[in-house]
Amino acid sequence: MSYSKTNITVGLQDQGLLETVLFAILTTVPFLFINVTLLFTLRSKPVFCETSRYILLFNLLLADTMQMALSQLMYIIAACRITLSYPVCGALTMLANVITNISPLTLVVMCLERFVAVCYPLRHAAIITVRNTGVAVCVVWAFSSLNVLIQVLLMLKFPFAELESLQMKDFCGNDNMMLDPIAADYEKAYTCFVFVIAGLAVISSYIGVMIAARSASSDKVSARKARNTLLLHLVKLGLSLSSTVYNPLLFSISERLDRIMFVRIQVVIYVCIIMLPRCLSALIYGLRDQTIRPVLMYNLVQTKAKISKLIT
């Protein structure tokens, strides 16, 4: 489910290092600023720490922010033409895999929470407790870590002892760490499994909410809000899935275009497929929520004012 930055230097060879670093900063710092501010916001008031949906949103946003920072780090490493050793690259890619898996799995839990809230409102407080939500978050991280542990075991089957050096000849990326065909097949199978399960969870929850919305005894307003939220979950899931086609798409484009045009298109694809999905959590969920929005806007203004004061 993770993606690599192995091929980005194909188009960046003619660009200066300064330009590459500036691009990395401009496409990351503003989004990281918003995400980190929202993370702080979700821990600034008791209501956010004691409400299940905000706890789940914090977990989703934390994974997206970590993934954004890690992907940009690997982008800069590859753009600077720095090769790593297999152990270091393996640690980075495995961490990226853990974090990447968190988003779709958290979306599944968030869908179930909205489904229970609308279809079983009288039992929602008993089922969706802070303790149960914490357990669900731990299960999500444990399941994602278990997947990475299996990948590591499959990777260890490769005869590293026969290599002349543990220094990689190519740039660090998930594709270059899939040294065993079985490991690559497992990665594809797991990706399909997670996104199929997540998609079914979102669609099933949406259908359940739609049925509840037609019931005369249901809260129409709550059902409509839950339906819209589930649609946003589906959009978020689709955006997360789009990152899996990043490398194949670049490879296909590179064979048809000259290097200069490829660089320009690759930058747009990188921002749209890799960066944008991981900054939309703050925009989709944070600004849309009437409880979060005023606190988030206040914190953004205050943080910006403090940064400006430090600069001046």
C-alpha atoms as a PDB file:
ATOM      1  CA  MET A   1       0.000   0.000   0.000  1.00  0.00           C
ATOM      2  CA  SER A   2       2.978   2.257   0.342  1.00  0.00           C
ATOM      3  CA  TYR A   3       4.502   4.035  -2.627  1.00  0.00           C
ATOM      4  CA  SER A   4       8.148   4.734  -3.457  1.00  0.00           C
ATOM      5  CA  LYS A   5      10.060   7.744  -4.698  1.00  0.00           C
ATOM      6  CA  THR A   6      12.454   5.591  -6.741  1.00  0.00           C
ATOM      7  CA  ASN A   7      11.635   7.100 -10.119  1.00  0.00           C
ATOM      8  CA  ILE A   8      11.392  10.758  -9.225  1.00  0.00           C
ATOM      9  CA  THR A   9      15.038  11.521 -10.008  1.00  0.00           C
ATOM     10  CA  VAL A  10      14.501  10.500 -13.631  1.00  0.00           C
ATOM     11  CA  GLY A  11      12.835  13.834 -14.187  1.00  0.00           C
ATOM     12  CA  LEU A  12      14.705  15.843 -11.575  1.00  0.00           C
ATOM     13  CA  GLN A  13      18.250  15.306 -12.860  1.00  0.00           C
ATOM     14  CA  ASP A  14      18.299  18.626 -14.693  1.00  0.00           C
ATOM     15  CA  GLN A  15      16.859  20.608 -11.798  1.00  0.00           C
ATOM     16  CA  GLY A  16      19.003  22.272  -9.192  1.00  0.00           C
ATOM     17  CA  LEU A  17      19.028  21.042  -5.622  1.00  0.00           C
ATOM     18  CA  LEU A  18      17.772  24.399  -4.364  1.00  0.00           C
ATOM     19  CA  GLU A  19      14.740  24.260  -6.642  1.00  0.00           C
ATOM     20  CA  THR A  20      13.934  20.745  -5.444  1.00  0.00           C
ATOM     21  CA  VAL A  21      14.192  21.687  -1.772  1.00  0.00           C
ATOM     22  CA  LEU A  22      12.070  24.805  -2.296  1.00  0.00           C
ATOM     23  CA  PHE A  23       9.423  22.720  -4.017  1.00  0.00           C
ATOM     24  CA  ALA A  24       9.443  20.252  -1.110  1.00  0.00           C
ATOM     25  CA  ILE A  25       9.022  23.088   1.382  1.00  0.00           C
ATOM     26  CA  LEU A  26       6.261  24.885  -0.513  1.00  0.00           C
ATOM     27  CA  THR A  27       4.215  21.694  -0.985  1.00  0.00           C
ATOM     28  CA  THR A  28       4.620  20.476   2.581  1.00  0.00           C
ATOM     29  CA  VAL A  29       5.025  23.235   5.155  1.00  0.00           C
ATOM     30  CA  PRO A  30       1.600  24.916   4.668  1.00  0.00           C
ATOM     31  CA  PHE A  31      -0.212  21.563   4.823  1.00  0.00           C
ATOM     32  CA  LEU A  32       1.821  20.402   7.800  1.00  0.00           C
ATOM     33  CA  PHE A  33       1.097  23.700   9.533  1.00  0.00           C
ATOM     34  CA  ILE A  34      -2.658  23.206   9.149  1.00  0.00           C
ATOM     35  CA  ASN A  35      -2.541  19.530  10.111  1.00  0.00           C
ATOM     36  CA  VAL A  36      -0.381  20.067  13.190  1.00  0.00           C
ATOM     37  CA  THR A  37      -2.612  22.949  14.292  1.00  0.00           C
ATOM     38  CA  LEU A  38      -5.678  20.720  13.971  1.00  0.00           C
ATOM     39  CA  LEU A  39      -3.912  17.973  15.922  1.00  0.00           C
ATOM     40  CA  PHE A  40      -3.240  20.497  18.673  1.00  0.00           C
ATOM     41  CA  THR A  41      -6.862  21.663  18.467  1.00  0.00           C
ATOM     42  CA  LEU A  42      -8.154  18.118  18.941  1.00  0.00           C
ATOM     43  CA  ARG A  43      -6.198  17.924  22.186  1.00  0.00           C
ATOM     44  CA  SER A  44      -6.947  21.429  23.429  1.00  0.00           C
ATOM     45  CA  LYS A  45     -10.424  20.873  24.886  1.00  0.00           C
ATOM     46  CA  PRO A  46     -11.984  18.045  26.943  1.00  0.00           C
ATOM     47  CA  VAL A  47     -14.878  17.662  24.497  1.00  0.00           C
ATOM     48  CA  PHE A  48     -12.471  16.575  21.758  1.00  0.00           C
ATOM     49  CA  CYS A  49     -10.650  14.113  24.035  1.00  0.00           C
ATOM     50  CA  GLU A  50     -13.875  12.591  25.357  1.00  0.00           C
ATOM     51  CA  THR A  51     -15.827  12.178  22.115  1.00  0.00           C
ATOM     52  CA  SER A  52     -15.269   9.061  20.026  1.00  0.00           C
ATOM     53  CA  ARG A  53     -15.524  10.633  16.594  1.00  0.00           C
ATOM     54  CA  TYR A  54     -12.923  13.277  17.487  1.00  0.00           C
ATOM     55  CA  ILE A  55     -10.581  10.609  18.875  1.00  0.00           C
ATOM     56  CA  LEU A  56     -10.887   8.705  15.585  1.00  0.00           C
ATOM     57  CA  LEU A  57     -10.363  11.916  13.607  1.00  0.00           C
ATOM     58  CA  PHE A  58      -7.202  12.592  15.620  1.00  0.00           C
ATOM     59  CA  ASN A  59      -5.897   9.116  14.767  1.00  0.00           C
ATOM     60  CA  LEU A  60      -6.687   9.592  11.061  1.00  0.00           C
ATOM     61  CA  LEU A  61      -5.084  13.021  10.980  1.00  0.00           C
ATOM     62  CA  LEU A  62      -2.012  11.816  12.890  1.00  0.00           C
ATOM     63  CA  ALA A  63      -1.434   9.044  10.344  1.00  0.00           C
ATOM     64  CA  ASP A  64      -1.917  11.445   7.419  1.00  0.00           C
ATOM     65  CA  THR A  65       0.481  14.001   8.901  1.00  0.00           C
ATOM     66  CA  MET A  66       3.170  11.412   9.628  1.00  0.00           C
ATOM     67  CA  GLN A  67       2.763   9.971   6.137  1.00  0.00           C
ATOM     68  CA  MET A  68       3.032  13.420   4.571  1.00  0.00           C
ATOM     69  CA  ALA A  69       6.250  14.201   6.441  1.00  0.00           C
ATOM     70  CA  LEU A  70       7.779  10.779   5.743  1.00  0.00           C
ATOM     71  CA  SER A  71       6.903  10.813   2.046  1.00  0.00           C
ATOM     72  CA  GLN A  72       8.459  14.248   1.659  1.00  0.00           C
ATOM     73  CA  LEU A  73      11.595  13.082   3.477  1.00  0.00           C
ATOM     74  CA  MET A  74      11.948  10.165   1.058  1.00  0.00           C
ATOM     75  CA  TYR A  75      11.255  12.543  -1.833  1.00  0.00           C
ATOM     76  CA  ILE A  76      14.138  14.796  -0.806  1.00  0.00           C
ATOM     77  CA  ILE A  77      16.471  11.826  -0.245  1.00  0.00           C
ATOM     78  CA  ALA A  78      15.773  10.526  -3.737  1.00  0.00           C
ATOM     79  CA  ALA A  79      15.886  13.988  -5.320  1.00  0.00           C
ATOM     80  CA  CYS A  80      19.319  14.570  -3.776  1.00  0.00           C
ATOM     81  CA  ARG A  81      20.431  11.236  -5.261  1.00  0.00           C
ATOM     82  CA  ILE A  82      21.285   9.782  -1.868  1.00  0.00           C
ATOM     83  CA  THR A  83      21.377   6.003  -1.678  1.00  0.00           C
ATOM     84  CA  LEU A  84      20.747   4.260   1.644  1.00  0.00           C
ATOM     85  CA  SER A  85      21.638   0.875   3.050  1.00  0.00           C
ATOM     86  CA  TYR A  86      19.047  -1.892   2.940  1.00  0.00           C
ATOM     87  CA  PRO A  87      18.419  -1.818   6.740  1.00  0.00           C
ATOM     88  CA  VAL A  88      17.837   1.962   6.810  1.00  0.00           C
ATOM     89  CA  CYS A  89      15.649   1.910   3.706  1.00  0.00           C
ATOM     90  CA  GLY A  90      13.769  -1.089   5.067  1.00  0.00           C
ATOM     91  CA  ALA A  91      13.033   0.749   8.317  1.00  0.00           C
ATOM     92  CA  LEU A  92      11.729   3.807   6.424  1.00  0.00           C
ATOM     93  CA  THR A  93       9.542   1.822   4.031  1.00  0.00           C
ATOM     94  CA  MET A  94       8.133  -0.397   6.779  1.00  0.00           C
ATOM     95  CA  LEU A  95       7.251   2.676   8.840  1.00  0.00           C
ATOM     96  CA  ALA A  96       5.594   4.159   5.753  1.00  0.00           C
ATOM     97  CA  ASN A  97       3.611   0.946   5.268  1.00  0.00           C
ATOM     98  CA  VAL A  98       2.386   0.978   8.870  1.00  0.00           C
ATOM     99  CA  ILE A  99       1.232   4.588   8.628  1.00  0.00           C
ATOM    100  CA  THR A 100      -0.330   4.206   5.181  1.00  0.00           C
ATOM    101  CA  ASN A 101      -2.467   1.294   6.349  1.00  0.00           C
ATOM    102  CA  ILE A 102      -3.857   3.309   9.256  1.00  0.00           C
ATOM    103  CA  SER A 103      -6.013   5.678   7.171  1.00  0.00           C
ATOM    104  CA  PRO A 104      -8.338   3.142   5.456  1.00  0.00           C
ATOM    105  CA  LEU A 105      -8.602   1.034   8.630  1.00  0.00           C
ATOM    106  CA  THR A 106      -9.517   4.104  10.700  1.00  0.00           C
ATOM    107  CA  LEU A 107     -12.122   5.053   8.092  1.00  0.00           C
ATOM    108  CA  VAL A 108     -13.753   1.645   8.639  1.00  0.00           C
ATOM    109  CA  VAL A 109     -14.088   2.344  12.373  1.00  0.00           C
ATOM    110  CA  MET A 110     -15.375   5.869  11.694  1.00  0.00           C
ATOM    111  CA  CYS A 111     -18.049   4.460   9.360  1.00  0.00           C
ATOM    112  CA  LEU A 112     -19.176   1.946  11.965  1.00  0.00           C
ATOM    113  CA  GLU A 113     -19.378   4.722  14.558  1.00  0.00           C
ATOM    114  CA  ARG A 114     -21.685   6.809  12.343  1.00  0.00           C
ATOM    115  CA  PHE A 115     -23.761   3.731  11.501  1.00  0.00           C
ATOM    116  CA  VAL A 116     -24.347   2.954  15.183  1.00  0.00           C
ATOM    117  CA  ALA A 117     -25.096   6.627  15.931  1.00  0.00           C
ATOM    118  CA  VAL A 118     -27.919   6.733  13.372  1.00  0.00           C
ATOM    119  CA  CYS A 119     -29.284   3.186  13.352  1.00  0.00           C
ATOM    120  CA  TYR A 120     -28.943   2.476  17.081  1.00  0.00           C
ATOM    121  CA  PRO A 121     -29.088   5.911  18.742  1.00  0.00           C
ATOM    122  CA  LEU A 122     -30.285   4.580  22.098  1.00  0.00           C
ATOM    123  CA  ARG A 123     -27.349   2.170  22.330  1.00  0.00           C
ATOM    124  CA  HIS A 124     -24.724   4.491  20.861  1.00  0.00           C
ATOM    125  CA  ALA A 125     -23.518   5.825  24.208  1.00  0.00           C
ATOM    126  CA  ALA A 126     -23.134   2.285  25.573  1.00  0.00           C
ATOM    127  CA  ILE A 127     -21.383   0.853  22.504  1.00  0.00           C
ATOM    128  CA  ILE A 128     -19.228   3.755  21.333  1.00  0.00           C
ATOM    129  CA  THR A 129     -17.424   4.643  24.547  1.00  0.00           C
ATOM    130  CA  VAL A 130     -14.054   6.329  24.904  1.00  0.00           C
ATOM    131  CA  ARG A 131     -12.599   3.042  26.174  1.00  0.00           C
ATOM    132  CA  ASN A 132     -13.987   1.030  23.242  1.00  0.00           C
ATOM    133  CA  THR A 133     -12.744   3.669  20.822  1.00  0.00           C
ATOM    134  CA  GLY A 134      -9.265   3.444  22.336  1.00  0.00           C
ATOM    135  CA  VAL A 135      -9.354  -0.329  21.950  1.00  0.00           C
ATOM    136  CA  ALA A 136     -10.420   0.053  18.299  1.00  0.00           C
ATOM    137  CA  VAL A 137      -7.515   2.453  17.632  1.00  0.00           C
ATOM    138  CA  CYS A 138      -5.067   0.008  19.232  1.00  0.00           C
ATOM    139  CA  VAL A 139      -6.469  -2.828  17.094  1.00  0.00           C
ATOM    140  CA  VAL A 140      -6.012  -0.718  13.954  1.00  0.00           C
ATOM    141  CA  TRP A 141      -2.344  -0.049  14.764  1.00  0.00           C
ATOM    142  CA  ALA A 142      -1.761  -3.670  15.812  1.00  0.00           C
ATOM    143  CA  PHE A 143      -3.318  -5.031  12.608  1.00  0.00           C
ATOM    144  CA  SER A 144      -1.248  -2.658  10.471  1.00  0.00           C
ATOM    145  CA  SER A 145       1.918  -3.566  12.389  1.00  0.00           C
ATOM    146  CA  LEU A 146       1.181  -7.277  11.985  1.00  0.00           C
ATOM    147  CA  ASN A 147       1.006  -6.812   8.222  1.00  0.00           C
ATOM    148  CA  VAL A 148       4.409  -5.100   8.235  1.00  0.00           C
ATOM    149  CA  LEU A 149       5.839  -7.870  10.428  1.00  0.00           C
ATOM    150  CA  ILE A 150       4.764 -10.411   7.803  1.00  0.00           C
ATOM    151  CA  GLN A 151       6.412  -8.277   5.115  1.00  0.00           C
ATOM    152  CA  VAL A 152       9.652  -8.191   7.126  1.00  0.00           C
ATOM    153  CA  LEU A 153       9.615 -11.988   7.513  1.00  0.00           C
ATOM    154  CA  LEU A 154       9.112 -12.393   3.773  1.00  0.00           C
ATOM    155  CA  MET A 155      11.889  -9.900   3.118  1.00  0.00           C
ATOM    156  CA  LEU A 156      14.318 -11.836   5.325  1.00  0.00           C
ATOM    157  CA  LYS A 157      14.053 -14.775   2.938  1.00  0.00           C
ATOM    158  CA  PHE A 158      16.243 -12.814   0.524  1.00  0.00           C
ATOM    159  CA  PRO A 159      19.933 -13.919   0.763  1.00  0.00           C
ATOM    160  CA  PHE A 160      21.415 -10.585   1.931  1.00  0.00           C
ATOM    161  CA  ALA A 161      24.577 -12.426   2.996  1.00  0.00           C
ATOM    162  CA  GLU A 162      25.394 -13.089  -0.654  1.00  0.00           C
ATOM    163  CA  LEU A 163      25.441  -9.382  -1.491  1.00  0.00           C
ATOM    164  CA  GLU A 164      28.805  -7.673  -1.811  1.00  0.00           C
ATOM    165  CA  SER A 165      27.490  -4.733   0.198  1.00  0.00           C
ATOM    166  CA  LEU A 166      24.309  -3.772   2.029  1.00  0.00           C
ATOM    167  CA  GLN A 167      24.457  -0.379   0.320  1.00  0.00           C
ATOM    168  CA  MET A 168      21.624  -0.032  -2.171  1.00  0.00           C
ATOM    169  CA  LYS A 169      22.520   0.662  -5.800  1.00  0.00           C
ATOM    170  CA  ASP A 170      19.161   2.293  -6.446  1.00  0.00           C
ATOM    171  CA  PHE A 171      17.185   4.849  -4.478  1.00  0.00           C
ATOM    172  CA  CYS A 172      15.130   3.893  -1.446  1.00  0.00           C
ATOM    173  CA  GLY A 173      11.538   2.942  -2.133  1.00  0.00           C
ATOM    174  CA  ASN A 174       8.988   0.290  -1.356  1.00  0.00           C
ATOM    175  CA  ASP A 175       9.311  -1.239  -4.831  1.00  0.00           C
ATOM    176  CA  ASN A 176      13.057  -1.699  -4.429  1.00  0.00           C
ATOM    177  CA  MET A 177      12.590  -3.413  -1.063  1.00  0.00           C
ATOM    178  CA  MET A 178      10.283  -6.064  -2.545  1.00  0.00           C
ATOM    179  CA  LEU A 179      13.211  -8.344  -3.314  1.00  0.00           C
ATOM    180  CA  ASP A 180      11.161 -11.546  -3.219  1.00  0.00           C
ATOM    181  CA  PRO A 181       8.289 -12.023  -5.729  1.00  0.00           C
ATOM    182  CA  ILE A 182       6.187 -13.511  -2.932  1.00  0.00           C
ATOM    183  CA  ALA A 183       6.591 -10.304  -0.919  1.00  0.00           C
ATOM    184  CA  ALA A 184       5.438  -8.216  -3.886  1.00  0.00           C
ATOM    185  CA  ASP A 185       2.423 -10.485  -4.453  1.00  0.00           C
ATOM    186  CA  TYR A 186       1.554 -10.334  -0.751  1.00  0.00           C
ATOM    187  CA  GLU A 187       1.722  -6.526  -0.818  1.00  0.00           C
ATOM    188  CA  LYS A 188      -0.701  -6.350  -3.748  1.00  0.00           C
ATOM    189  CA  ALA A 189      -3.076  -8.884  -2.175  1.00  0.00           C
ATOM    190  CA  TYR A 190      -3.105  -7.059   1.158  1.00  0.00           C
ATOM    191  CA  THR A 191      -3.729  -3.712  -0.536  1.00  0.00           C
ATOM    192  CA  CYS A 192      -6.712  -5.120  -2.423  1.00  0.00           C
ATOM    193  CA  PHE A 193      -8.041  -6.801   0.723  1.00  0.00           C
ATOM    194  CA  VAL A 194      -7.899  -3.649   2.868  1.00  0.00           C
ATOM    195  CA  PHE A 195      -9.484  -1.367   0.298  1.00  0.00           C
ATOM    196  CA  VAL A 196     -12.213  -3.883  -0.576  1.00  0.00           C
ATOM    197  CA  ILE A 197     -13.066  -4.314   3.111  1.00  0.00           C
ATOM    198  CA  ALA A 198     -12.975  -0.544   3.678  1.00  0.00           C
ATOM    199  CA  GLY A 199     -15.124   0.086   0.599  1.00  0.00           C
ATOM    200  CA  LEU A 200     -17.692  -2.490   1.673  1.00  0.00           C
ATOM    201  CA  ALA A 201     -17.785  -0.990   5.168  1.00  0.00           C
ATOM    202  CA  VAL A 202     -18.434   2.517   3.823  1.00  0.00           C
ATOM    203  CA  ILE A 203     -21.077   1.384   1.320  1.00  0.00           C
ATOM    204  CA  SER A 204     -22.835  -0.893   3.815  1.00  0.00           C
ATOM    205  CA  SER A 205     -22.912   1.868   6.428  1.00  0.00           C
ATOM    206  CA  TYR A 206     -24.272   4.306   3.850  1.00  0.00           C
ATOM    207  CA  ILE A 207     -27.050   1.902   2.867  1.00  0.00           C
ATOM    208  CA  GLY A 208     -27.914   1.332   6.529  1.00  0.00           C
ATOM    209  CA  VAL A 209     -28.103   5.072   7.164  1.00  0.00           C
ATOM    210  CA  MET A 210     -30.271   5.584   4.057  1.00  0.00           C
ATOM    211  CA  ILE A 211     -32.700   2.931   5.276  1.00  0.00           C
ATOM    212  CA  ALA A 212     -32.787   4.523   8.718  1.00  0.00           C
ATOM    213  CA  ALA A 213     -33.382   7.950   7.173  1.00  0.00           C
ATOM    214  CA  ARG A 214     -36.620   6.696   5.610  1.00  0.00           C
ATOM    215  CA  SER A 215     -37.910   5.500   8.948  1.00  0.00           C
ATOM    216  CA  ALA A 216     -40.547   7.745  10.479  1.00  0.00           C
ATOM    217  CA  SER A 217     -38.967   7.414  13.923  1.00  0.00           C
ATOM    218  CA  SER A 218     -35.457   8.386  12.884  1.00  0.00           C
ATOM    219  CA  ASP A 219     -33.781  11.760  13.287  1.00  0.00           C
ATOM    220  CA  LYS A 220     -33.804  13.102   9.741  1.00  0.00           C
ATOM    221  CA  VAL A 221     -31.183  15.762  10.389  1.00  0.00           C
ATOM    222  CA  SER A 222     -28.750  13.340  12.031  1.00  0.00           C
ATOM    223  CA  ALA A 223     -29.295  10.802   9.262  1.00  0.00           C
ATOM    224  CA  ARG A 224     -28.594  13.410   6.576  1.00  0.00           C
ATOM    225  CA  LYS A 225     -25.403  14.561   8.314  1.00  0.00           C
ATOM    226  CA  ALA A 226     -24.256  10.959   8.761  1.00  0.00           C
ATOM    227  CA  ARG A 227     -24.959  10.229   5.093  1.00  0.00           C
ATOM    228  CA  ASN A 228     -22.871  13.206   3.999  1.00  0.00           C
ATOM    229  CA  THR A 229     -20.085  12.184   6.372  1.00  0.00           C
ATOM    230  CA  LEU A 230     -20.036   8.656   4.935  1.00  0.00           C
ATOM    231  CA  LEU A 231     -19.798  10.085   1.424  1.00  0.00           C
ATOM    232  CA  LEU A 232     -16.775  12.081   2.571  1.00  0.00           C
ATOM    233  CA  HIS A 233     -15.292   8.867   3.989  1.00  0.00           C
ATOM    234  CA  LEU A 234     -15.728   7.277   0.574  1.00  0.00           C
ATOM    235  CA  VAL A 235     -14.005  10.223  -1.114  1.00  0.00           C
ATOM    236  CA  LYS A 236     -11.164  10.028   1.403  1.00  0.00           C
ATOM    237  CA  LEU A 237     -10.826   6.280   0.794  1.00  0.00           C
ATOM    238  CA  GLY A 238     -10.673   6.827  -2.964  1.00  0.00           C
ATOM    239  CA  LEU A 239      -7.974   9.465  -2.538  1.00  0.00           C
ATOM    240  CA  SER A 240      -5.963   7.114  -0.328  1.00  0.00           C
ATOM    241  CA  LEU A 241      -6.274   4.393  -2.937  1.00  0.00           C
ATOM    242  CA  SER A 242      -5.035   6.744  -5.656  1.00  0.00           C
ATOM    243  CA  SER A 243      -1.542   6.768  -4.115  1.00  0.00           C
ATOM    244  CA  THR A 244      -1.123   3.097  -5.065  1.00  0.00           C
ATOM    245  CA  VAL A 245      -1.131   3.999  -8.773  1.00  0.00           C
ATOM    246  CA  TYR A 246       1.535   6.715  -8.409  1.00  0.00           C
ATOM    247  CA  ASN A 247       4.539   4.710  -9.604  1.00  0.00           C
ATOM    248  CA  PRO A 248       2.772   2.795 -12.435  1.00  0.00           C
ATOM    249  CA  LEU A 249       1.302   6.074 -13.677  1.00  0.00           C
ATOM    250  CA  LEU A 250       4.690   7.803 -13.690  1.00  0.00           C
ATOM    251  CA  PHE A 251       6.300   4.872 -15.483  1.00  0.00           C
ATOM    252  CA  SER A 252       3.610   4.952 -18.165  1.00  0.00           C
ATOM    253  CA  ILE A 253       3.940   8.720 -18.668  1.00  0.00           C
ATOM    254  CA  SER A 254       7.757   8.667 -18.753  1.00  0.00           C
ATOM    255  CA  GLU A 255       7.718   6.375 -21.778  1.00  0.00           C
ATOM    256  CA  ARG A 256       5.609   8.804 -23.822  1.00  0.00           C
ATOM    257  CA  LEU A 257       6.949  12.262 -22.963  1.00  0.00           C
ATOM    258  CA  ASP A 258      10.263  14.075 -23.094  1.00  0.00           C
ATOM    259  CA  ARG A 259      12.080  14.739 -19.817  1.00  0.00           C
ATOM    260  CA  ILE A 260      11.110  18.409 -19.377  1.00  0.00           C
ATOM    261  CA  MET A 261       7.403  17.775 -19.901  1.00  0.00           C
ATOM    262  CA  PHE A 262       7.604  14.700 -17.682  1.00  0.00           C
ATOM    263  CA  VAL A 263       9.046  16.769 -14.808  1.00  0.00           C
ATOM    264  CA  ARG A 264       6.184  19.271 -14.983  1.00  0.00           C
ATOM    265  CA  ILE A 265       3.495  16.616 -15.121  1.00  0.00           C
ATOM    266  CA  GLN A 266       5.184  14.562 -12.405  1.00  0.00           C
ATOM    267  CA  VAL A 267       5.140  17.524 -10.018  1.00  0.00           C
ATOM    268  CA  VAL A 268       1.398  17.979 -10.560  1.00  0.00           C
ATOM    269  CA  ILE A 269       0.730  14.254 -10.074  1.00  0.00           C
ATOM    270  CA  TYR A 270       2.854  14.171  -6.923  1.00  0.00           C
ATOM    271  CA  VAL A 271       0.938  17.048  -5.347  1.00  0.00           C
ATOM    272  CA  CYS A 272      -2.489  15.738  -6.390  1.00  0.00           C
ATOM    273  CA  ILE A 273      -2.012  12.046  -5.607  1.00  0.00           C
ATOM    274  CA  ILE A 274       0.485  12.039  -2.737  1.00  0.00           C
ATOM    275  CA  MET A 275       0.189  15.354  -0.894  1.00  0.00           C
ATOM    276  CA  LEU A 276      -3.418  16.475  -1.425  1.00  0.00           C
ATOM    277  CA  PRO A 277      -5.164  13.385   0.030  1.00  0.00           C
ATOM    278  CA  ARG A 278      -3.178  13.766   3.240  1.00  0.00           C
ATOM    279  CA  CYS A 279      -4.046  17.405   3.804  1.00  0.00           C
ATOM    280  CA  LEU A 280      -7.749  17.057   2.987  1.00  0.00           C
ATOM    281  CA  SER A 281      -8.580  15.513   6.367  1.00  0.00           C
ATOM    282  CA  ALA A 282      -8.153  18.922   7.986  1.00  0.00           C
ATOM    283  CA  LEU A 283     -10.230  20.629   5.285  1.00  0.00           C
ATOM    284  CA  ILE A 284     -12.938  17.964   4.921  1.00  0.00           C
ATOM    285  CA  TYR A 285     -13.467  17.107   8.564  1.00  0.00           C
ATOM    286  CA  GLY A 286     -12.013  20.032  10.501  1.00  0.00           C
ATOM    287  CA  LEU A 287     -13.528  23.050   8.766  1.00  0.00           C
ATOM    288  CA  ARG A 288     -16.835  21.242   8.223  1.00  0.00           C
ATOM    289  CA  ASP A 289     -17.398  20.506  11.912  1.00  0.00           C
ATOM    290  CA  GLN A 290     -19.145  23.374  13.709  1.00  0.00           C
ATOM    291  CA  THR A 291     -17.453  22.487  17.000  1.00  0.00           C
ATOM    292  CA  ILE A 292     -13.923  22.271  15.616  1.00  0.00           C
ATOM    293  CA  ARG A 293     -14.038  25.156  13.136  1.00  0.00           C
ATOM    294  CA  PRO A 294     -13.984  28.182  15.520  1.00  0.00           C
ATOM    295  CA  VAL A 295     -11.285  26.630  17.727  1.00  0.00           C
ATOM    296  CA  LEU A 296      -9.195  25.657  14.688  1.00  0.00           C
ATOM    297  CA  MET A 297      -9.452  29.104  13.114  1.00  0.00           C
ATOM    298  CA  TYR A 298      -8.512  30.756  16.407  1.00  0.00           C
ATOM    299  CA  ASN A 299      -5.478  28.482  16.826  1.00  0.00           C
ATOM    300  CA  LEU A 300      -4.389  29.062  13.218  1.00  0.00           C
ATOM    301  CA  VAL A 301      -4.499  32.836  13.684  1.00  0.00           C
ATOM    302  CA  GLN A 302      -2.684  32.668  17.022  1.00  0.00           C
ATOM    303  CA  THR A 303       0.008  30.330  15.709  1.00  0.00           C
ATOM    304  CA  LYS A 304       0.530  32.453  12.602  1.00  0.00           C
ATOM    305  CA  ALA A 305       0.855  35.579  14.759  1.00  0.00           C
ATOM    306  CA  LYS A 306       3.466  33.886  16.975  1.00  0.00           C
ATOM    307  CA  ILE A 307       5.473  32.727  13.947  1.00  0.00           C
ATOM    308  CA  SER A 308       5.345  36.224  12.411  1.00  0.00           C
ATOM    309  CA  LYS A 309       6.538  37.739  15.681  1.00  0.00           C
ATOM    310  CA  LEU A 310       9.456  35.299  15.841  1.00  0.00           C
ATOM    311  CA  ILE A 311      10.458  36.068  12.243  1.00  0.00           C
ATOM    312  CA  THR A 312      10.336  39.824  12.733  1.00  0.00           C
END
